[in-house]
Amino acid sequence: MRQTIAIDCMGADHGPLPLITGAVEYLRNPQNIGTSIVLIGDEPLIREYLKGMGVNGNLPLSVVHASEVVDMHVAATEGLKKRDSSMAVAVRMHKEGLVDAVISAGNTGAVMANAVLTLGRLQGVSRPAIAAAMPNRLERWTLLLDVGANVDVRPEHILQFAQMGVSYAEDILKIESPRVGLLSIGEESVKGNELTASSHELLAKGKAMTFVGNVEGRDILEGNCDVVVCDGFIGNIILKFAESMKGFLESRLHKQISSNPFSKAGAILMGPFLRRMRRVFDYSEYGGAPLLGINGNCVISHGKSSAKAIHNAVKIAVEMVRTDAKGHIERRIAGNQQEIIGR
């Protein structure tokens, strides 16, 4: 079955070129037969870029014009007023069944608002959440959510984040029986605040997941659990800190390597290792973060996304469609509600 992915080409920090390039590179890979992409934005500009890349109708690629752009720094409510923005058009096409998923590297708040208001939430979902896959020491993934959709939450929201995270970890990250941890300031159940204490109690009662209890920040990179849940305020802080690690390490390494000839020689020998480490902390390796709990498939990419990041975001979106990730989430949420009713 062919998957059709819409890409909002406008509103990202570096303009439409990285998004267009990532889409073209994805489609030029012969392994990706079965996927078509719709580029949405300033049609004359997009077609000019495509012409420069030698794309002349030889790829399953189409362009849809949108006359407005949602600026990165406007409030989500202001972004919603632009009904012909590339973001709004992409989400509306998804709602109408013209595309199977949406990717945007634009204003996160506006993407969320458009997705929730246009597509709606899955039945039973109280709060959609943004999930981020983070590398861990075991060379696997730790899924962290929420990373910015919900600043203030209740324990029942944390429970749903866990359920959605488990479904996504199974479908997309291919983790069997994902272990769930509740982010707190200590492993003991009594440590934390009122939210973590009440959330711990709810998670411990759940029968449809493997709950390992409280985890600390270090456990995310250690890989001591597969899904870590928290409110969006804390999750976003962790995500932004993790994103800063690549630049910090590169800066410190460059300073040390430049300090003397012996360090430069050592760096040459360690080149392959350093390149692997660089990839570990490079967000472009992961593509984007899915917005879970909406009645659709939406991947939110970093505003500074490279072509490689968009290429990988398309891979995520395709896999979400192929595995019916949202259907899996809806069934898990419904099953949990039946469990609660039956108690």
C-alpha atoms as a PDB file:
ATOM      1  CA  MET A   1       0.000   0.000   0.000  1.00  0.00           C
ATOM      2  CA  ARG A   2       1.383   3.410  -0.964  1.00  0.00           C
ATOM      3  CA  GLN A   3       1.945   5.949   1.815  1.00  0.00           C
ATOM      4  CA  THR A   4       1.568   9.638   0.972  1.00  0.00           C
ATOM      5  CA  ILE A   5       3.388  12.078   3.223  1.00  0.00           C
ATOM      6  CA  ALA A   6       2.776  15.840   3.290  1.00  0.00           C
ATOM      7  CA  ILE A   7       5.690  18.107   4.184  1.00  0.00           C
ATOM      8  CA  ASP A   8       5.126  21.665   5.378  1.00  0.00           C
ATOM      9  CA  CYS A   9       8.016  23.352   3.553  1.00  0.00           C
ATOM     10  CA  MET A  10       7.677  26.825   5.061  1.00  0.00           C
ATOM     11  CA  GLY A  11       8.351  28.239   8.505  1.00  0.00           C
ATOM     12  CA  ALA A  12      11.558  26.348   9.339  1.00  0.00           C
ATOM     13  CA  ASP A  13      14.639  28.312  10.417  1.00  0.00           C
ATOM     14  CA  HIS A  14      16.607  27.635   7.207  1.00  0.00           C
ATOM     15  CA  GLY A  15      13.759  27.983   4.733  1.00  0.00           C
ATOM     16  CA  PRO A  16      12.334  25.307   2.446  1.00  0.00           C
ATOM     17  CA  LEU A  17      15.536  23.984   0.857  1.00  0.00           C
ATOM     18  CA  PRO A  18      16.507  21.404   3.538  1.00  0.00           C
ATOM     19  CA  LEU A  19      12.961  20.026   3.569  1.00  0.00           C
ATOM     20  CA  ILE A  20      12.774  19.760  -0.206  1.00  0.00           C
ATOM     21  CA  THR A  21      16.235  18.187  -0.373  1.00  0.00           C
ATOM     22  CA  GLY A  22      15.388  15.644   2.323  1.00  0.00           C
ATOM     23  CA  ALA A  23      12.198  14.658   0.503  1.00  0.00           C
ATOM     24  CA  VAL A  24      13.971  14.248  -2.832  1.00  0.00           C
ATOM     25  CA  GLU A  25      16.806  12.219  -1.284  1.00  0.00           C
ATOM     26  CA  TYR A  26      14.273   9.918   0.362  1.00  0.00           C
ATOM     27  CA  LEU A  27      12.393   9.299  -2.875  1.00  0.00           C
ATOM     28  CA  ARG A  28      15.580   8.752  -4.877  1.00  0.00           C
ATOM     29  CA  ASN A  29      16.450   5.794  -2.667  1.00  0.00           C
ATOM     30  CA  PRO A  30      15.182   2.702  -4.549  1.00  0.00           C
ATOM     31  CA  GLN A  31      14.364   1.028  -1.232  1.00  0.00           C
ATOM     32  CA  ASN A  32      11.606   3.582  -0.640  1.00  0.00           C
ATOM     33  CA  ILE A  33       9.344   2.554  -3.501  1.00  0.00           C
ATOM     34  CA  GLY A  34       5.757   2.808  -2.298  1.00  0.00           C
ATOM     35  CA  THR A  35       5.972   6.295  -0.827  1.00  0.00           C
ATOM     36  CA  SER A  36       4.866   9.544  -2.433  1.00  0.00           C
ATOM     37  CA  ILE A  37       5.432  13.024  -1.021  1.00  0.00           C
ATOM     38  CA  VAL A  38       3.468  16.267  -1.293  1.00  0.00           C
ATOM     39  CA  LEU A  39       5.477  19.459  -0.767  1.00  0.00           C
ATOM     40  CA  ILE A  40       3.331  22.324   0.530  1.00  0.00           C
ATOM     41  CA  GLY A  41       4.269  25.995   0.453  1.00  0.00           C
ATOM     42  CA  ASP A  42       5.315  28.690  -2.014  1.00  0.00           C
ATOM     43  CA  GLU A  43       4.836  26.695  -5.233  1.00  0.00           C
ATOM     44  CA  PRO A  44       6.997  28.820  -7.592  1.00  0.00           C
ATOM     45  CA  LEU A  45       9.870  28.770  -5.095  1.00  0.00           C
ATOM     46  CA  ILE A  46       9.567  25.027  -4.434  1.00  0.00           C
ATOM     47  CA  ARG A  47       9.470  24.240  -8.168  1.00  0.00           C
ATOM     48  CA  GLU A  48      12.543  26.405  -8.719  1.00  0.00           C
ATOM     49  CA  TYR A  49      14.456  24.370  -6.127  1.00  0.00           C
ATOM     50  CA  LEU A  50      13.191  21.111  -7.655  1.00  0.00           C
ATOM     51  CA  LYS A  51      14.333  22.194 -11.092  1.00  0.00           C
ATOM     52  CA  GLY A  52      17.783  22.892  -9.694  1.00  0.00           C
ATOM     53  CA  MET A  53      17.872  19.354  -8.316  1.00  0.00           C
ATOM     54  CA  GLY A  54      16.956  17.847 -11.671  1.00  0.00           C
ATOM     55  CA  VAL A  55      13.480  16.748 -10.598  1.00  0.00           C
ATOM     56  CA  ASN A  56      11.306  16.774 -13.708  1.00  0.00           C
ATOM     57  CA  GLY A  57       8.343  14.543 -12.963  1.00  0.00           C
ATOM     58  CA  ASN A  58      10.572  11.515 -12.475  1.00  0.00           C
ATOM     59  CA  LEU A  59       9.665  11.054  -8.802  1.00  0.00           C
ATOM     60  CA  PRO A  60       6.329  10.452  -7.000  1.00  0.00           C
ATOM     61  CA  LEU A  61       6.404  14.063  -5.842  1.00  0.00           C
ATOM     62  CA  SER A  62       3.792  16.811  -6.128  1.00  0.00           C
ATOM     63  CA  VAL A  63       3.515  20.414  -4.997  1.00  0.00           C
ATOM     64  CA  VAL A  64       0.527  22.171  -3.428  1.00  0.00           C
ATOM     65  CA  HIS A  65       0.553  25.947  -3.122  1.00  0.00           C
ATOM     66  CA  ALA A  66      -0.033  27.705   0.204  1.00  0.00           C
ATOM     67  CA  SER A  67      -0.001  31.492   0.315  1.00  0.00           C
ATOM     68  CA  GLU A  68       0.790  32.023   4.007  1.00  0.00           C
ATOM     69  CA  VAL A  69       3.611  31.164   6.414  1.00  0.00           C
ATOM     70  CA  VAL A  70       3.416  30.751  10.195  1.00  0.00           C
ATOM     71  CA  ASP A  71       6.422  32.512  11.669  1.00  0.00           C
ATOM     72  CA  MET A  72       8.482  30.588  14.202  1.00  0.00           C
ATOM     73  CA  HIS A  73       7.994  33.168  16.931  1.00  0.00           C
ATOM     74  CA  VAL A  74       4.250  33.895  16.797  1.00  0.00           C
ATOM     75  CA  ALA A  75       1.812  32.531  19.357  1.00  0.00           C
ATOM     76  CA  ALA A  76      -0.056  29.364  18.402  1.00  0.00           C
ATOM     77  CA  THR A  77      -3.348  31.284  18.413  1.00  0.00           C
ATOM     78  CA  GLU A  78      -1.962  33.712  15.835  1.00  0.00           C
ATOM     79  CA  GLY A  79      -0.740  30.837  13.705  1.00  0.00           C
ATOM     80  CA  LEU A  80      -4.221  29.325  13.667  1.00  0.00           C
ATOM     81  CA  LYS A  81      -5.590  32.456  12.017  1.00  0.00           C
ATOM     82  CA  LYS A  82      -3.542  31.764   8.895  1.00  0.00           C
ATOM     83  CA  ARG A  83      -5.868  29.249   7.268  1.00  0.00           C
ATOM     84  CA  ASP A  84      -3.867  29.130   4.029  1.00  0.00           C
ATOM     85  CA  SER A  85      -0.516  28.582   5.713  1.00  0.00           C
ATOM     86  CA  SER A  86       1.525  25.601   4.520  1.00  0.00           C
ATOM     87  CA  MET A  87       1.056  24.062   7.961  1.00  0.00           C
ATOM     88  CA  ALA A  88      -2.735  24.427   7.957  1.00  0.00           C
ATOM     89  CA  VAL A  89      -3.046  23.170   4.382  1.00  0.00           C
ATOM     90  CA  ALA A  90      -0.946  20.083   5.180  1.00  0.00           C
ATOM     91  CA  VAL A  91      -3.030  19.178   8.228  1.00  0.00           C
ATOM     92  CA  ARG A  92      -6.279  19.826   6.375  1.00  0.00           C
ATOM     93  CA  MET A  93      -5.196  17.517   3.551  1.00  0.00           C
ATOM     94  CA  HIS A  94      -4.559  14.834   6.167  1.00  0.00           C
ATOM     95  CA  LYS A  95      -8.015  15.383   7.615  1.00  0.00           C
ATOM     96  CA  GLU A  96      -9.542  15.017   4.142  1.00  0.00           C
ATOM     97  CA  GLY A  97      -7.685  11.753   3.544  1.00  0.00           C
ATOM     98  CA  LEU A  98      -5.505  13.147   0.754  1.00  0.00           C
ATOM     99  CA  VAL A  99      -2.314  12.326   2.650  1.00  0.00           C
ATOM    100  CA  ASP A 100      -1.504   9.773   5.346  1.00  0.00           C
ATOM    101  CA  ALA A 101       0.852  11.809   7.517  1.00  0.00           C
ATOM    102  CA  VAL A 102       2.219  15.309   8.027  1.00  0.00           C
ATOM    103  CA  ILE A 103       5.762  16.517   8.734  1.00  0.00           C
ATOM    104  CA  SER A 104       6.500  20.061   9.860  1.00  0.00           C
ATOM    105  CA  ALA A 105       9.659  21.803  11.066  1.00  0.00           C
ATOM    106  CA  GLY A 106       7.709  24.970  11.787  1.00  0.00           C
ATOM    107  CA  ASN A 107       6.337  26.563  14.940  1.00  0.00           C
ATOM    108  CA  THR A 108       5.757  23.651  17.346  1.00  0.00           C
ATOM    109  CA  GLY A 109       2.868  25.268  19.192  1.00  0.00           C
ATOM    110  CA  ALA A 110       1.091  26.111  15.955  1.00  0.00           C
ATOM    111  CA  VAL A 111       1.643  22.598  14.562  1.00  0.00           C
ATOM    112  CA  MET A 112       0.136  21.110  17.721  1.00  0.00           C
ATOM    113  CA  ALA A 113      -2.813  23.510  17.706  1.00  0.00           C
ATOM    114  CA  ASN A 114      -3.566  22.839  14.033  1.00  0.00           C
ATOM    115  CA  ALA A 115      -3.284  19.077  14.496  1.00  0.00           C
ATOM    116  CA  VAL A 116      -5.459  18.895  17.608  1.00  0.00           C
ATOM    117  CA  LEU A 117      -8.163  21.263  16.349  1.00  0.00           C
ATOM    118  CA  THR A 118      -8.313  19.904  12.791  1.00  0.00           C
ATOM    119  CA  LEU A 119      -7.653  16.185  13.284  1.00  0.00           C
ATOM    120  CA  GLY A 120      -9.003  15.886  16.812  1.00  0.00           C
ATOM    121  CA  ARG A 121      -7.823  13.515  19.536  1.00  0.00           C
ATOM    122  CA  LEU A 122      -8.088   9.767  19.490  1.00  0.00           C
ATOM    123  CA  GLN A 123     -11.047   8.429  21.416  1.00  0.00           C
ATOM    124  CA  GLY A 124     -10.210   8.300  25.109  1.00  0.00           C
ATOM    125  CA  VAL A 125      -7.079  10.468  24.878  1.00  0.00           C
ATOM    126  CA  SER A 126      -7.149  13.459  27.213  1.00  0.00           C
ATOM    127  CA  ARG A 127      -3.888  15.115  26.207  1.00  0.00           C
ATOM    128  CA  PRO A 128      -1.734  14.436  23.122  1.00  0.00           C
ATOM    129  CA  ALA A 129       1.989  14.300  23.874  1.00  0.00           C
ATOM    130  CA  ILE A 130       5.228  14.826  21.980  1.00  0.00           C
ATOM    131  CA  ALA A 131       7.663  11.899  22.231  1.00  0.00           C
ATOM    132  CA  ALA A 132      11.421  12.036  21.625  1.00  0.00           C
ATOM    133  CA  ALA A 133      13.651   9.000  21.043  1.00  0.00           C
ATOM    134  CA  MET A 134      16.970   9.421  22.834  1.00  0.00           C
ATOM    135  CA  PRO A 135      20.075   7.227  22.481  1.00  0.00           C
ATOM    136  CA  ASN A 136      21.209   5.170  25.440  1.00  0.00           C
ATOM    137  CA  ARG A 137      24.326   3.282  26.536  1.00  0.00           C
ATOM    138  CA  LEU A 138      22.911  -0.033  25.308  1.00  0.00           C
ATOM    139  CA  GLU A 139      22.794   1.333  21.730  1.00  0.00           C
ATOM    140  CA  ARG A 140      19.020   1.225  21.836  1.00  0.00           C
ATOM    141  CA  TRP A 141      16.414   3.915  22.319  1.00  0.00           C
ATOM    142  CA  THR A 142      14.797   5.471  25.345  1.00  0.00           C
ATOM    143  CA  LEU A 143      11.509   7.184  24.504  1.00  0.00           C
ATOM    144  CA  LEU A 144      10.862  10.329  26.545  1.00  0.00           C
ATOM    145  CA  LEU A 145       7.419  11.935  26.742  1.00  0.00           C
ATOM    146  CA  ASP A 146       5.991  14.465  27.088  1.00  0.00           C
ATOM    147  CA  VAL A 147       8.677  16.845  25.774  1.00  0.00           C
ATOM    148  CA  GLY A 148       6.661  20.008  25.386  1.00  0.00           C
ATOM    149  CA  ALA A 149       2.985  19.609  24.572  1.00  0.00           C
ATOM    150  CA  ASN A 150       1.699  19.880  28.160  1.00  0.00           C
ATOM    151  CA  VAL A 151       3.337  22.070  30.784  1.00  0.00           C
ATOM    152  CA  ASP A 152       0.798  21.239  33.505  1.00  0.00           C
ATOM    153  CA  VAL A 153      -0.605  17.721  33.769  1.00  0.00           C
ATOM    154  CA  ARG A 154      -2.520  15.433  36.089  1.00  0.00           C
ATOM    155  CA  PRO A 155      -1.633  11.843  37.064  1.00  0.00           C
ATOM    156  CA  GLU A 156      -4.144  10.379  34.599  1.00  0.00           C
ATOM    157  CA  HIS A 157      -2.348  12.235  31.796  1.00  0.00           C
ATOM    158  CA  ILE A 158       0.972  10.711  32.856  1.00  0.00           C
ATOM    159  CA  LEU A 159      -0.684   7.271  32.718  1.00  0.00           C
ATOM    160  CA  GLN A 160      -1.866   7.920  29.171  1.00  0.00           C
ATOM    161  CA  PHE A 161       1.585   9.168  28.168  1.00  0.00           C
ATOM    162  CA  ALA A 162       2.939   5.812  29.334  1.00  0.00           C
ATOM    163  CA  GLN A 163       0.329   3.886  27.354  1.00  0.00           C
ATOM    164  CA  MET A 164       0.987   5.889  24.202  1.00  0.00           C
ATOM    165  CA  GLY A 165       4.731   5.583  24.683  1.00  0.00           C
ATOM    166  CA  VAL A 166       4.550   1.806  25.061  1.00  0.00           C
ATOM    167  CA  SER A 167       2.552   1.513  21.821  1.00  0.00           C
ATOM    168  CA  TYR A 168       4.986   3.711  19.905  1.00  0.00           C
ATOM    169  CA  ALA A 169       8.020   1.883  21.332  1.00  0.00           C
ATOM    170  CA  GLU A 170       6.565  -1.427  20.169  1.00  0.00           C
ATOM    171  CA  ASP A 171       5.498  -0.260  16.711  1.00  0.00           C
ATOM    172  CA  ILE A 172       8.267   2.130  15.675  1.00  0.00           C
ATOM    173  CA  LEU A 173      11.271   1.407  17.906  1.00  0.00           C
ATOM    174  CA  LYS A 174      10.618  -2.360  17.742  1.00  0.00           C
ATOM    175  CA  ILE A 175      11.042  -2.872  21.492  1.00  0.00           C
ATOM    176  CA  GLU A 176       9.303  -5.922  22.930  1.00  0.00           C
ATOM    177  CA  SER A 177       7.536  -5.440  26.280  1.00  0.00           C
ATOM    178  CA  PRO A 178       8.826  -1.886  26.846  1.00  0.00           C
ATOM    179  CA  ARG A 179       9.701  -1.019  30.438  1.00  0.00           C
ATOM    180  CA  VAL A 180       8.139   2.201  31.729  1.00  0.00           C
ATOM    181  CA  GLY A 181       9.800   4.530  34.221  1.00  0.00           C
ATOM    182  CA  LEU A 182       8.402   7.628  35.945  1.00  0.00           C
ATOM    183  CA  LEU A 183      10.913  10.483  35.986  1.00  0.00           C
ATOM    184  CA  SER A 184      11.516  11.726  39.518  1.00  0.00           C
ATOM    185  CA  ILE A 185      14.284  12.865  41.882  1.00  0.00           C
ATOM    186  CA  GLY A 186      14.884   9.429  43.349  1.00  0.00           C
ATOM    187  CA  GLU A 187      14.100   5.771  42.770  1.00  0.00           C
ATOM    188  CA  GLU A 188      12.020   5.409  45.923  1.00  0.00           C
ATOM    189  CA  SER A 189       8.287   5.783  45.384  1.00  0.00           C
ATOM    190  CA  VAL A 190       7.997   8.302  48.233  1.00  0.00           C
ATOM    191  CA  LYS A 191      10.410  10.715  46.555  1.00  0.00           C
ATOM    192  CA  GLY A 192       9.172  13.462  44.251  1.00  0.00           C
ATOM    193  CA  ASN A 193       6.195  15.790  44.410  1.00  0.00           C
ATOM    194  CA  GLU A 194       2.435  15.343  44.571  1.00  0.00           C
ATOM    195  CA  LEU A 195       2.247  14.682  40.823  1.00  0.00           C
ATOM    196  CA  THR A 196       4.878  11.927  40.825  1.00  0.00           C
ATOM    197  CA  ALA A 197       3.444  10.282  43.948  1.00  0.00           C
ATOM    198  CA  SER A 198      -0.066  10.097  42.498  1.00  0.00           C
ATOM    199  CA  SER A 199       1.243   9.113  39.060  1.00  0.00           C
ATOM    200  CA  HIS A 200       3.330   6.320  40.588  1.00  0.00           C
ATOM    201  CA  GLU A 201       0.238   4.895  42.241  1.00  0.00           C
ATOM    202  CA  LEU A 202      -1.702   4.873  38.952  1.00  0.00           C
ATOM    203  CA  LEU A 203       1.154   3.396  36.925  1.00  0.00           C
ATOM    204  CA  ALA A 204       1.753   0.669  39.494  1.00  0.00           C
ATOM    205  CA  LYS A 205      -1.864  -0.463  39.179  1.00  0.00           C
ATOM    206  CA  GLY A 206      -1.710  -0.760  35.393  1.00  0.00           C
ATOM    207  CA  LYS A 207      -1.688  -4.351  34.114  1.00  0.00           C
ATOM    208  CA  ALA A 208      -1.018  -3.686  30.429  1.00  0.00           C
ATOM    209  CA  MET A 209       2.555  -2.407  30.868  1.00  0.00           C
ATOM    210  CA  THR A 210       5.797  -3.214  32.645  1.00  0.00           C
ATOM    211  CA  PHE A 211       6.272  -0.421  35.181  1.00  0.00           C
ATOM    212  CA  VAL A 212       9.723  -0.367  36.813  1.00  0.00           C
ATOM    213  CA  GLY A 213       8.992   2.504  39.199  1.00  0.00           C
ATOM    214  CA  ASN A 214      10.683   5.866  39.579  1.00  0.00           C
ATOM    215  CA  VAL A 215      13.763   6.605  37.482  1.00  0.00           C
ATOM    216  CA  GLU A 216      16.234   9.461  37.588  1.00  0.00           C
ATOM    217  CA  GLY A 217      17.589  11.604  34.775  1.00  0.00           C
ATOM    218  CA  ARG A 218      20.694   9.442  34.421  1.00  0.00           C
ATOM    219  CA  ASP A 219      18.543   6.388  33.628  1.00  0.00           C
ATOM    220  CA  ILE A 220      17.499   7.910  30.295  1.00  0.00           C
ATOM    221  CA  LEU A 221      20.994   7.512  28.839  1.00  0.00           C
ATOM    222  CA  GLU A 222      21.769   4.385  30.842  1.00  0.00           C
ATOM    223  CA  GLY A 223      18.900   2.528  29.178  1.00  0.00           C
ATOM    224  CA  ASN A 224      17.448   1.228  32.451  1.00  0.00           C
ATOM    225  CA  CYS A 225      13.971   1.542  30.970  1.00  0.00           C
ATOM    226  CA  ASP A 226      12.513   1.994  27.490  1.00  0.00           C
ATOM    227  CA  VAL A 227       9.825   4.637  28.052  1.00  0.00           C
ATOM    228  CA  VAL A 228      10.246   7.549  30.476  1.00  0.00           C
ATOM    229  CA  VAL A 229       7.220   9.682  31.315  1.00  0.00           C
ATOM    230  CA  CYS A 230       7.054  13.180  32.775  1.00  0.00           C
ATOM    231  CA  ASP A 231       5.253  16.478  32.267  1.00  0.00           C
ATOM    232  CA  GLY A 232       6.100  18.562  29.211  1.00  0.00           C
ATOM    233  CA  PHE A 233       7.857  21.252  31.224  1.00  0.00           C
ATOM    234  CA  ILE A 234      10.527  18.897  32.574  1.00  0.00           C
ATOM    235  CA  GLY A 235      10.641  16.860  29.366  1.00  0.00           C
ATOM    236  CA  ASN A 236      11.336  19.892  27.199  1.00  0.00           C
ATOM    237  CA  ILE A 237      14.172  21.013  29.476  1.00  0.00           C
ATOM    238  CA  ILE A 238      15.779  17.567  29.186  1.00  0.00           C
ATOM    239  CA  LEU A 239      15.317  17.544  25.405  1.00  0.00           C
ATOM    240  CA  LYS A 240      16.884  20.989  24.921  1.00  0.00           C
ATOM    241  CA  PHE A 241      19.788  20.048  27.205  1.00  0.00           C
ATOM    242  CA  ALA A 242      20.382  16.857  25.207  1.00  0.00           C
ATOM    243  CA  GLU A 243      20.302  18.818  21.930  1.00  0.00           C
ATOM    244  CA  SER A 244      23.037  21.115  23.257  1.00  0.00           C
ATOM    245  CA  MET A 245      25.433  18.246  23.951  1.00  0.00           C
ATOM    246  CA  LYS A 246      26.625  17.868  20.358  1.00  0.00           C
ATOM    247  CA  GLY A 247      27.758  21.484  20.066  1.00  0.00           C
ATOM    248  CA  PHE A 248      29.305  21.455  23.541  1.00  0.00           C
ATOM    249  CA  LEU A 249      31.328  18.291  22.901  1.00  0.00           C
ATOM    250  CA  GLU A 250      32.451  19.459  19.472  1.00  0.00           C
ATOM    251  CA  SER A 251      33.626  22.778  20.924  1.00  0.00           C
ATOM    252  CA  ARG A 252      35.563  21.165  23.768  1.00  0.00           C
ATOM    253  CA  LEU A 253      37.108  18.527  21.509  1.00  0.00           C
ATOM    254  CA  HIS A 254      38.177  21.131  18.973  1.00  0.00           C
ATOM    255  CA  LYS A 255      39.820  23.170  21.715  1.00  0.00           C
ATOM    256  CA  GLN A 256      41.688  20.159  23.099  1.00  0.00           C
ATOM    257  CA  ILE A 257      42.715  18.828  19.696  1.00  0.00           C
ATOM    258  CA  SER A 258      44.062  22.235  18.646  1.00  0.00           C
ATOM    259  CA  SER A 259      46.123  22.595  21.809  1.00  0.00           C
ATOM    260  CA  ASN A 260      49.174  20.593  20.634  1.00  0.00           C
ATOM    261  CA  PRO A 261      50.439  18.436  17.737  1.00  0.00           C
ATOM    262  CA  PHE A 262      50.126  15.193  19.716  1.00  0.00           C
ATOM    263  CA  SER A 263      46.424  15.810  20.257  1.00  0.00           C
ATOM    264  CA  LYS A 264      45.973  16.430  16.511  1.00  0.00           C
ATOM    265  CA  ALA A 265      47.698  13.155  15.690  1.00  0.00           C
ATOM    266  CA  GLY A 266      45.532  11.320  18.206  1.00  0.00           C
ATOM    267  CA  ALA A 267      42.407  12.871  16.718  1.00  0.00           C
ATOM    268  CA  ILE A 268      43.314  11.520  13.279  1.00  0.00           C
ATOM    269  CA  LEU A 269      43.630   8.022  14.700  1.00  0.00           C
ATOM    270  CA  MET A 270      40.371   8.389  16.618  1.00  0.00           C
ATOM    271  CA  GLY A 271      38.513   9.858  13.627  1.00  0.00           C
ATOM    272  CA  PRO A 272      36.060   6.967  13.113  1.00  0.00           C
ATOM    273  CA  PHE A 273      35.234   6.877  16.828  1.00  0.00           C
ATOM    274  CA  LEU A 274      34.712  10.645  17.000  1.00  0.00           C
ATOM    275  CA  ARG A 275      32.406  10.549  13.979  1.00  0.00           C
ATOM    276  CA  ARG A 276      30.314   7.805  15.613  1.00  0.00           C
ATOM    277  CA  MET A 277      30.064   9.811  18.835  1.00  0.00           C
ATOM    278  CA  ARG A 278      29.050  12.883  16.870  1.00  0.00           C
ATOM    279  CA  ARG A 279      26.192  10.955  15.268  1.00  0.00           C
ATOM    280  CA  VAL A 280      24.937   9.787  18.674  1.00  0.00           C
ATOM    281  CA  PHE A 281      24.242  13.370  19.763  1.00  0.00           C
ATOM    282  CA  ASP A 282      23.071  14.628  16.369  1.00  0.00           C
ATOM    283  CA  TYR A 283      19.294  15.148  16.381  1.00  0.00           C
ATOM    284  CA  SER A 284      19.224  14.806  12.589  1.00  0.00           C
ATOM    285  CA  GLU A 285      19.815  11.081  13.096  1.00  0.00           C
ATOM    286  CA  TYR A 286      16.375  10.807  14.701  1.00  0.00           C
ATOM    287  CA  GLY A 287      14.345  12.906  12.272  1.00  0.00           C
ATOM    288  CA  GLY A 288      11.635  14.288  14.478  1.00  0.00           C
ATOM    289  CA  ALA A 289       9.269  13.775  17.366  1.00  0.00           C
ATOM    290  CA  PRO A 290       5.791  12.286  16.837  1.00  0.00           C
ATOM    291  CA  LEU A 291       2.731  14.001  18.254  1.00  0.00           C
ATOM    292  CA  LEU A 292       0.947  11.046  19.851  1.00  0.00           C
ATOM    293  CA  GLY A 293      -2.741  10.897  20.726  1.00  0.00           C
ATOM    294  CA  ILE A 294      -4.143  12.802  17.762  1.00  0.00           C
ATOM    295  CA  ASN A 295      -6.410  11.200  15.170  1.00  0.00           C
ATOM    296  CA  GLY A 296      -3.670  11.228  12.565  1.00  0.00           C
ATOM    297  CA  ASN A 297       0.067  10.916  12.015  1.00  0.00           C
ATOM    298  CA  CYS A 298       2.172  13.984  12.664  1.00  0.00           C
ATOM    299  CA  VAL A 299       5.947  14.308  13.038  1.00  0.00           C
ATOM    300  CA  ILE A 300       7.391  17.556  14.406  1.00  0.00           C
ATOM    301  CA  SER A 301      10.962  18.172  13.276  1.00  0.00           C
ATOM    302  CA  HIS A 302      13.505  20.599  14.696  1.00  0.00           C
ATOM    303  CA  GLY A 303      13.337  24.104  13.252  1.00  0.00           C
ATOM    304  CA  LYS A 304      16.979  23.824  12.198  1.00  0.00           C
ATOM    305  CA  SER A 305      16.484  20.427  10.561  1.00  0.00           C
ATOM    306  CA  SER A 306      18.914  19.411   7.840  1.00  0.00           C
ATOM    307  CA  ALA A 307      18.006  17.404   4.750  1.00  0.00           C
ATOM    308  CA  LYS A 308      19.157  14.302   6.618  1.00  0.00           C
ATOM    309  CA  ALA A 309      16.776  15.059   9.484  1.00  0.00           C
ATOM    310  CA  ILE A 310      13.841  15.422   7.099  1.00  0.00           C
ATOM    311  CA  HIS A 311      14.830  12.209   5.310  1.00  0.00           C
ATOM    312  CA  ASN A 312      14.655  10.423   8.669  1.00  0.00           C
ATOM    313  CA  ALA A 313      11.404  12.173   9.595  1.00  0.00           C
ATOM    314  CA  VAL A 314       9.821  10.724   6.460  1.00  0.00           C
ATOM    315  CA  LYS A 315      10.989   7.265   7.547  1.00  0.00           C
ATOM    316  CA  ILE A 316       9.241   7.748  10.898  1.00  0.00           C
ATOM    317  CA  ALA A 317       6.043   9.003   9.274  1.00  0.00           C
ATOM    318  CA  VAL A 318       5.959   6.097   6.828  1.00  0.00           C
ATOM    319  CA  GLU A 319       6.449   3.573   9.618  1.00  0.00           C
ATOM    320  CA  MET A 320       3.678   5.205  11.681  1.00  0.00           C
ATOM    321  CA  VAL A 321       1.297   4.766   8.750  1.00  0.00           C
ATOM    322  CA  ARG A 322       2.485   1.270   7.909  1.00  0.00           C
ATOM    323  CA  THR A 323       2.101  -0.044  11.477  1.00  0.00           C
ATOM    324  CA  ASP A 324      -1.157   1.839  12.203  1.00  0.00           C
ATOM    325  CA  ALA A 325       0.516   3.418  15.228  1.00  0.00           C
ATOM    326  CA  LYS A 326      -2.471   5.621  16.063  1.00  0.00           C
ATOM    327  CA  GLY A 327      -4.859   2.659  15.915  1.00  0.00           C
ATOM    328  CA  HIS A 328      -2.607   0.748  18.310  1.00  0.00           C
ATOM    329  CA  ILE A 329      -2.658   3.683  20.733  1.00  0.00           C
ATOM    330  CA  GLU A 330      -6.441   3.995  20.561  1.00  0.00           C
ATOM    331  CA  ARG A 331      -6.930   0.286  21.266  1.00  0.00           C
ATOM    332  CA  ARG A 332      -4.524   0.396  24.219  1.00  0.00           C
ATOM    333  CA  ILE A 333      -6.242   3.449  25.729  1.00  0.00           C
ATOM    334  CA  ALA A 334      -9.661   1.805  25.295  1.00  0.00           C
ATOM    335  CA  GLY A 335      -8.398  -1.393  26.928  1.00  0.00           C
ATOM    336  CA  ASN A 336      -7.110   0.554  29.919  1.00  0.00           C
ATOM    337  CA  GLN A 337     -10.455   2.311  30.346  1.00  0.00           C
ATOM    338  CA  GLN A 338     -12.216  -1.062  30.370  1.00  0.00           C
ATOM    339  CA  GLU A 339      -9.747  -2.249  33.003  1.00  0.00           C
ATOM    340  CA  ILE A 340     -10.534   0.760  35.204  1.00  0.00           C
ATOM    341  CA  ILE A 341     -14.302   0.228  34.789  1.00  0.00           C
ATOM    342  CA  GLY A 342     -13.891  -3.426  35.733  1.00  0.00           C
ATOM    343  CA  ARG A 343     -12.110  -2.730  39.019  1.00  0.00           C
END
